[in-house]
Amino acid sequence: MNYKNFQIYFFLGILAVVFFVVILMFLPYLSSLVIAATLAIIFEPVHNRVFKIVRRQKILAALITILAMLVIVLVPITFFGIKVFNQAQSLYLQVSAKNANLDSLDQISVSFEKKINSLFPKLGFSFDINESIEKFFKWFFQNIGPIFSSIAQIFTNFLLSLIALYYIFKDGQRLKATLFRLSPLNDDHNNEIFGKLKNAIGSVIRGSITVAVIQGVLAGVGFAIFGIPNAALWGFVTVVAALIPIVGTATILAPAIGYLFLFGNPMAGVGLLVWGMTAVGLIDNFLGPKLIERSVKIHPFLILLSVLGGMSFFGPIGFLAGPLALALLFALFNLYPVIVLSKPEEV
């Protein structure tokens, strides 16, 4: 081994150790960085337009874009979140305390229990709806309690995401150029990998979260119009159900429609059924495919596995990190025959 090779290996060894240490230091803030990168990709068109309007002033464009994002995203989420939490807390306290004001719920409980228990008299099956509702909300508050008790950590992560987002908007092109310069791949291959990652984020956000939120909002509007109590709460539950492909919005809409039919308001039940089949149900069939980035070209089942596996491995941020890792793998698979096997790239 000559001295030049020794220098290279020695340098690469030190670089690997230092890089590993830095990764360990940044690991606790991985979620903030992933969220910042996701928001940067989502609001990239807005930032580009603002950048032109302010005559290519990077700092001003970044600040205006972040302010617009806060108004568009944070204000509605905060308002809706407070409303959902208040409705959930109120319903839980009323159910657990057997509040006298819940005459309608008591009537529903008795009628529903009689109907259910009459279906299984020989099996000894019994159903207590009050007990079931109380157990559900106990579980609900036990799981969201740690979230609300760690406000400082949430605020810190959110602040870090905003700071990271500012620098991505301000210095993103320079950072991208630096990464491309350090990469041994040519610019075409680097751009393909970068494009795959952008499309993966867009696919998850547009194809899953956006559709789920729209379905939840429409379901909540339908619940409010046709007389379902705590419409905002059940709209939020519909959003969660829509994010789980195996579950879907029907698991929330069907009991609501059944409730209206069983307890004296069949016309409202028909109305909610039609609303659910059109305004809510057709979102998946028409809006969903248009919002999903077709260039990702990954089977939906693999995307589902990447979301579930990512959340299991990375935690909640795995909802984004899982599909990102899968998209990166497929991008590398596409480049493998070109770089390693020296085959011409498919068009």
Protein backbone atom coordinates (compact mmCIF):
# COMPACT_ATOMS: atom_id res chain seq x y z
CA MET A 1 0.00 0.00 0.00
CA ASN A 2 1.51 3.33 -1.02
CA TYR A 3 1.34 6.45 1.09
CA LYS A 4 -1.39 8.06 -1.05
CA ASN A 5 -3.77 5.12 -0.57
CA PHE A 6 -3.02 5.11 3.15
CA GLN A 7 -3.99 8.79 3.31
CA ILE A 8 -7.26 8.11 1.52
CA TYR A 9 -8.23 5.17 3.76
CA PHE A 10 -7.21 7.06 6.89
CA PHE A 11 -9.27 10.08 5.84
CA LEU A 12 -12.31 7.93 4.97
CA GLY A 13 -12.06 6.15 8.33
CA ILE A 14 -12.03 9.43 10.25
CA LEU A 15 -14.85 10.76 8.06
CA ALA A 16 -17.00 7.67 8.75
CA VAL A 17 -16.48 7.92 12.53
CA VAL A 18 -17.24 11.65 12.66
CA PHE A 19 -20.24 11.24 10.34
CA PHE A 20 -21.61 8.47 12.58
CA VAL A 21 -21.20 10.64 15.71
CA VAL A 22 -22.95 13.58 14.05
CA ILE A 23 -25.83 11.33 12.95
CA LEU A 24 -26.23 10.14 16.54
CA MET A 25 -26.34 13.77 17.71
CA PHE A 26 -28.97 14.68 15.12
CA LEU A 27 -31.07 11.53 15.64
CA PRO A 28 -33.29 13.00 18.42
CA TYR A 29 -34.26 15.77 16.00
CA LEU A 30 -34.91 13.51 13.02
CA SER A 31 -38.65 14.12 13.17
CA SER A 32 -38.15 17.90 13.03
CA LEU A 33 -35.88 17.59 10.00
CA VAL A 34 -38.23 15.21 8.17
CA ILE A 35 -41.22 17.47 8.86
CA ALA A 36 -39.26 20.51 7.65
CA ALA A 37 -38.22 18.72 4.44
CA THR A 38 -41.82 17.59 3.89
CA LEU A 39 -43.22 21.10 4.37
CA ALA A 40 -40.52 22.50 2.06
CA ILE A 41 -41.59 20.14 -0.73
CA ILE A 42 -45.31 20.80 -0.19
CA PHE A 43 -44.91 24.58 -0.17
CA GLU A 44 -42.20 24.72 -2.83
CA PRO A 45 -44.60 26.12 -5.50
CA VAL A 46 -45.72 28.84 -3.06
CA HIS A 47 -42.12 29.71 -2.20
CA ASN A 48 -41.11 29.86 -5.87
CA ARG A 49 -43.94 32.26 -6.65
CA VAL A 50 -43.19 34.45 -3.62
CA PHE A 51 -39.50 34.39 -4.56
CA LYS A 52 -40.34 35.92 -7.95
CA ILE A 53 -42.74 38.47 -6.47
CA VAL A 54 -40.17 39.81 -3.98
CA ARG A 55 -37.56 40.03 -6.74
CA ARG A 56 -35.46 37.06 -5.68
CA GLN A 57 -34.82 38.18 -2.10
CA LYS A 58 -34.17 34.85 -0.37
CA ILE A 59 -34.68 35.89 3.26
CA LEU A 60 -37.91 37.80 2.61
CA ALA A 61 -39.30 35.01 0.41
CA ALA A 62 -38.57 32.39 3.08
CA LEU A 63 -40.21 34.44 5.86
CA ILE A 64 -43.33 35.25 3.81
CA THR A 65 -43.75 31.60 2.78
CA ILE A 66 -43.46 30.36 6.37
CA LEU A 67 -45.95 33.00 7.55
CA ALA A 68 -48.39 31.96 4.82
CA MET A 69 -47.92 28.30 5.78
CA LEU A 70 -48.71 29.08 9.43
CA VAL A 71 -51.89 30.88 8.45
CA ILE A 72 -53.00 28.17 5.99
CA VAL A 73 -52.10 25.13 8.11
CA LEU A 74 -51.59 25.99 11.77
CA VAL A 75 -54.62 28.22 12.41
CA PRO A 76 -57.25 25.75 11.10
CA ILE A 77 -55.54 22.79 12.78
CA THR A 78 -55.39 24.63 16.12
CA PHE A 79 -59.03 25.71 15.93
CA PHE A 80 -60.26 22.28 14.88
CA GLY A 81 -58.01 20.50 17.40
CA ILE A 82 -59.37 22.55 20.31
CA LYS A 83 -62.93 21.87 19.20
CA VAL A 84 -62.32 18.12 18.88
CA PHE A 85 -60.59 17.94 22.26
CA ASN A 86 -63.38 19.87 23.99
CA GLN A 87 -66.07 17.65 22.46
CA ALA A 88 -64.18 14.48 23.39
CA GLN A 89 -63.57 15.69 26.93
CA SER A 90 -67.18 16.79 27.36
CA LEU A 91 -68.60 13.51 26.08
CA TYR A 92 -66.21 11.47 28.21
CA LEU A 93 -67.11 13.36 31.38
CA GLN A 94 -70.82 13.10 30.64
CA VAL A 95 -70.69 9.38 29.96
CA SER A 96 -68.47 8.54 32.93
CA ALA A 97 -70.55 10.65 35.32
CA LYS A 98 -73.89 9.38 33.93
CA ASN A 99 -74.90 13.03 33.54
CA ALA A 100 -78.66 13.62 33.64
CA ASN A 101 -78.41 15.89 30.63
CA LEU A 102 -77.55 12.90 28.45
CA ASP A 103 -81.17 11.77 28.12
CA SER A 104 -80.69 11.12 24.43
CA LEU A 105 -77.59 9.02 25.07
CA ASP A 106 -79.39 7.05 27.79
CA GLN A 107 -82.30 6.46 25.42
CA ILE A 108 -79.88 5.36 22.72
CA SER A 109 -78.10 3.08 25.18
CA VAL A 110 -81.27 1.32 26.35
CA SER A 111 -82.73 0.94 22.86
CA PHE A 112 -79.48 -0.18 21.29
CA GLU A 113 -78.71 -2.64 24.09
CA LYS A 114 -82.19 -4.16 23.79
CA LYS A 115 -81.82 -4.53 20.02
CA ILE A 116 -78.36 -6.08 20.26
CA ASN A 117 -79.13 -8.35 23.21
CA SER A 118 -82.38 -9.55 21.64
CA LEU A 119 -80.39 -10.81 18.65
CA PHE A 120 -78.34 -13.19 20.83
CA PRO A 121 -80.65 -14.38 23.64
CA LYS A 122 -79.55 -18.00 23.46
CA LEU A 123 -75.85 -17.21 23.38
CA GLY A 124 -75.95 -15.27 26.62
CA PHE A 125 -74.50 -12.25 24.82
CA SER A 126 -74.93 -8.89 26.56
CA PHE A 127 -73.92 -5.45 25.45
CA ASP A 128 -73.56 -2.30 27.56
CA ILE A 129 -73.09 0.71 25.31
CA ASN A 130 -72.35 3.11 28.18
CA GLU A 131 -69.57 0.84 29.38
CA SER A 132 -68.17 0.52 25.85
CA ILE A 133 -68.20 4.29 25.29
CA GLU A 134 -66.58 4.91 28.66
CA LYS A 135 -63.83 2.37 27.92
CA PHE A 136 -63.21 3.93 24.53
CA PHE A 137 -62.76 7.43 25.92
CA LYS A 138 -60.62 6.17 28.78
CA TRP A 139 -58.33 4.62 26.18
CA PHE A 140 -58.53 7.80 24.08
CA PHE A 141 -57.44 10.10 26.88
CA GLN A 142 -54.80 7.70 28.21
CA ASN A 143 -53.15 7.74 24.79
CA ILE A 144 -53.37 11.45 24.02
CA GLY A 145 -52.50 12.47 27.56
CA PRO A 146 -48.73 12.20 27.07
CA ILE A 147 -49.03 14.37 23.97
CA PHE A 148 -50.70 17.21 25.84
CA SER A 149 -48.44 16.78 28.87
CA SER A 150 -45.31 17.29 26.77
CA ILE A 151 -46.22 20.67 25.30
CA ALA A 152 -42.67 21.95 25.78
CA GLN A 153 -41.19 19.14 23.69
CA ILE A 154 -43.80 19.58 20.97
CA PHE A 155 -43.15 23.32 20.88
CA THR A 156 -39.38 22.76 20.70
CA ASN A 157 -39.70 20.29 17.82
CA PHE A 158 -42.09 22.60 16.01
CA LEU A 159 -39.74 25.56 16.46
CA LEU A 160 -36.82 23.50 15.15
CA SER A 161 -38.92 22.48 12.15
CA LEU A 162 -39.65 26.12 11.37
CA ILE A 163 -35.98 27.08 11.69
CA ALA A 164 -34.94 24.17 9.47
CA LEU A 165 -37.67 25.09 6.99
CA TYR A 166 -36.40 28.68 6.86
CA TYR A 167 -32.88 27.55 5.98
CA ILE A 168 -34.16 25.02 3.43
CA PHE A 169 -36.07 27.78 1.66
CA LYS A 170 -33.16 30.21 1.97
CA ASP A 171 -30.22 27.91 1.17
CA GLY A 172 -31.92 24.85 -0.34
CA GLN A 173 -30.43 25.18 -3.80
CA ARG A 174 -26.94 25.64 -2.40
CA LEU A 175 -27.38 22.60 -0.13
CA LYS A 176 -28.63 20.54 -3.08
CA ALA A 177 -25.65 21.63 -5.20
CA THR A 178 -23.25 20.69 -2.39
CA LEU A 179 -24.78 17.22 -2.04
CA PHE A 180 -24.60 16.69 -5.79
CA ARG A 181 -20.96 17.81 -5.82
CA LEU A 182 -20.07 15.32 -3.06
CA SER A 183 -21.94 12.47 -4.75
CA PRO A 184 -19.87 10.23 -7.05
CA LEU A 185 -22.95 9.78 -9.27
CA ASN A 186 -23.55 12.05 -12.22
CA ASP A 187 -26.13 14.84 -12.03
CA ASP A 188 -28.76 12.91 -14.01
CA HIS A 189 -28.68 10.04 -11.53
CA ASN A 190 -28.65 12.42 -8.56
CA ASN A 191 -31.66 14.25 -9.98
CA GLU A 192 -33.50 10.95 -10.48
CA ILE A 193 -32.96 9.96 -6.84
CA PHE A 194 -33.91 13.43 -5.63
CA GLY A 195 -37.03 13.41 -7.80
CA LYS A 196 -38.08 9.99 -6.48
CA LEU A 197 -37.85 11.23 -2.89
CA LYS A 198 -39.86 14.36 -3.69
CA ASN A 199 -42.51 12.30 -5.45
CA ALA A 200 -42.70 9.88 -2.52
CA ILE A 201 -43.41 12.70 -0.08
CA GLY A 202 -45.93 14.20 -2.47
CA SER A 203 -47.61 10.83 -2.91
CA VAL A 204 -48.00 10.25 0.83
CA ILE A 205 -49.19 13.78 1.57
CA ARG A 206 -51.47 14.28 -1.44
CA GLY A 207 -52.63 10.70 -1.81
CA SER A 208 -53.18 9.87 1.86
CA ILE A 209 -53.25 12.79 4.27
CA THR A 210 -54.97 15.34 2.02
CA VAL A 211 -57.65 12.88 0.91
CA ALA A 212 -58.20 11.70 4.50
CA VAL A 213 -58.55 15.28 5.77
CA ILE A 214 -60.99 16.20 3.00
CA GLN A 215 -63.05 13.06 3.71
CA GLY A 216 -63.04 13.81 7.44
CA VAL A 217 -64.13 17.41 6.91
CA LEU A 218 -66.93 16.36 4.55
CA ALA A 219 -68.02 13.63 6.95
CA GLY A 220 -68.04 16.13 9.83
CA VAL A 221 -70.17 18.52 7.77
CA GLY A 222 -72.56 15.67 7.01
CA PHE A 223 -72.74 14.69 10.69
CA ALA A 224 -73.57 18.29 11.62
CA ILE A 225 -76.21 18.68 8.89
CA PHE A 226 -78.04 15.42 9.63
CA GLY A 227 -77.97 15.66 13.42
CA ILE A 228 -75.11 13.47 14.66
CA PRO A 229 -73.90 14.81 18.04
CA ASN A 230 -70.26 15.94 18.41
CA ALA A 231 -69.78 16.24 14.65
CA ALA A 232 -66.24 17.65 14.87
CA LEU A 233 -65.09 14.76 17.07
CA TRP A 234 -66.47 12.11 14.73
CA GLY A 235 -65.10 14.00 11.75
CA PHE A 236 -61.64 13.71 13.32
CA VAL A 237 -62.20 9.99 13.96
CA THR A 238 -63.15 9.68 10.27
CA VAL A 239 -59.82 11.26 9.29
CA VAL A 240 -57.97 8.66 11.37
CA ALA A 241 -60.07 5.84 9.87
CA ALA A 242 -59.44 7.12 6.34
CA LEU A 243 -55.68 6.95 6.90
CA ILE A 244 -55.97 3.20 7.55
CA PRO A 245 -56.81 1.52 4.22
CA ILE A 246 -58.18 -1.63 5.86
CA VAL A 247 -60.55 0.43 8.04
CA GLY A 248 -61.77 3.30 5.88
CA THR A 249 -64.45 5.93 6.37
CA ALA A 250 -67.30 3.41 6.10
CA THR A 251 -66.56 2.10 9.60
CA ILE A 252 -67.54 5.53 10.98
CA LEU A 253 -70.28 6.46 8.53
CA ALA A 254 -72.15 3.14 8.74
CA PRO A 255 -72.81 3.29 12.52
CA ALA A 256 -73.85 6.95 12.19
CA ILE A 257 -76.32 6.08 9.42
CA GLY A 258 -77.57 3.11 11.46
CA TYR A 259 -78.06 5.38 14.47
CA LEU A 260 -80.28 7.72 12.45
CA PHE A 261 -82.34 4.84 11.02
CA LEU A 262 -82.75 3.00 14.32
CA PHE A 263 -83.73 5.96 16.44
CA GLY A 264 -86.49 7.70 14.57
CA ASN A 265 -84.93 9.79 11.82
CA PRO A 266 -84.85 7.65 8.65
CA MET A 267 -84.92 10.65 6.27
CA ALA A 268 -81.76 12.01 7.86
CA GLY A 269 -80.30 8.50 7.62
CA VAL A 270 -81.01 8.43 3.88
CA GLY A 271 -79.52 11.90 3.56
CA LEU A 272 -76.32 10.90 5.36
CA LEU A 273 -76.13 7.71 3.29
CA VAL A 274 -76.33 9.69 0.03
CA TRP A 275 -73.86 12.26 1.40
CA GLY A 276 -71.43 9.52 2.40
CA MET A 277 -71.63 7.76 -0.98
CA THR A 278 -71.18 10.96 -3.01
CA ALA A 279 -69.35 13.73 -1.18
CA VAL A 280 -67.19 11.40 0.94
CA GLY A 281 -66.97 8.12 -0.97
CA LEU A 282 -66.21 9.53 -4.41
CA ILE A 283 -63.17 11.42 -3.09
CA ASP A 284 -61.22 8.15 -3.06
CA ASN A 285 -62.24 7.24 -6.60
CA PHE A 286 -61.80 10.59 -8.35
CA LEU A 287 -59.69 13.00 -6.32
CA GLY A 288 -57.34 10.41 -4.80
CA PRO A 289 -55.84 9.07 -8.05
CA LYS A 290 -55.35 12.61 -9.39
CA LEU A 291 -53.51 13.71 -6.27
CA ILE A 292 -51.21 10.69 -6.16
CA GLU A 293 -47.97 11.22 -8.06
CA ARG A 294 -47.96 8.50 -10.70
CA SER A 295 -44.22 8.78 -11.29
CA VAL A 296 -43.55 7.03 -7.97
CA LYS A 297 -44.64 3.74 -9.61
CA ILE A 298 -44.73 1.79 -6.35
CA HIS A 299 -47.49 -0.72 -5.62
CA PRO A 300 -50.04 0.63 -3.08
CA PHE A 301 -49.59 -2.46 -0.90
CA LEU A 302 -45.86 -1.78 -0.61
CA ILE A 303 -46.60 1.84 0.30
CA LEU A 304 -48.99 0.59 3.01
CA LEU A 305 -46.32 -1.75 4.37
CA SER A 306 -43.75 1.06 4.31
CA VAL A 307 -46.10 3.31 6.31
CA LEU A 308 -46.86 0.63 8.92
CA GLY A 309 -43.27 -0.59 9.10
CA GLY A 310 -41.95 2.97 9.21
CA MET A 311 -44.20 3.86 12.14
CA SER A 312 -43.14 0.69 13.94
CA PHE A 313 -39.43 1.41 13.39
CA PHE A 314 -39.21 5.22 13.51
CA GLY A 315 -42.29 6.06 15.56
CA PRO A 316 -44.99 8.49 14.33
CA ILE A 317 -42.58 10.18 11.90
CA GLY A 318 -42.28 6.79 10.16
CA PHE A 319 -45.51 7.73 8.37
CA LEU A 320 -43.23 9.81 6.13
CA ALA A 321 -39.84 8.16 6.71
CA GLY A 322 -41.08 4.69 5.69
CA PRO A 323 -42.27 5.67 2.19
CA LEU A 324 -39.15 7.81 1.76
CA ALA A 325 -36.90 4.82 2.45
CA LEU A 326 -38.96 2.68 0.06
CA ALA A 327 -38.79 5.34 -2.68
CA LEU A 328 -35.02 5.63 -2.23
CA LEU A 329 -34.69 1.85 -2.55
CA PHE A 330 -36.69 1.82 -5.81
CA ALA A 331 -34.66 4.75 -7.17
CA LEU A 332 -31.46 2.81 -6.47
CA PHE A 333 -32.96 -0.31 -8.08
CA ASN A 334 -33.69 1.74 -11.21
CA LEU A 335 -30.09 2.97 -11.33
CA TYR A 336 -28.50 -0.42 -10.55
CA PRO A 337 -28.47 -1.78 -14.14
CA VAL A 338 -27.19 1.56 -15.45
CA ILE A 339 -24.36 2.08 -12.96
CA VAL A 340 -23.34 -1.46 -12.00
CA LEU A 341 -24.26 -3.50 -15.07
CA SER A 342 -23.55 -0.70 -17.57
CA LYS A 343 -26.86 -1.21 -19.34
CA PRO A 344 -28.59 1.69 -21.11
CA GLU A 345 -31.21 3.45 -19.04
CA GLU A 346 -34.86 2.73 -19.90
CA VAL A 347 -36.85 5.68 -21.16
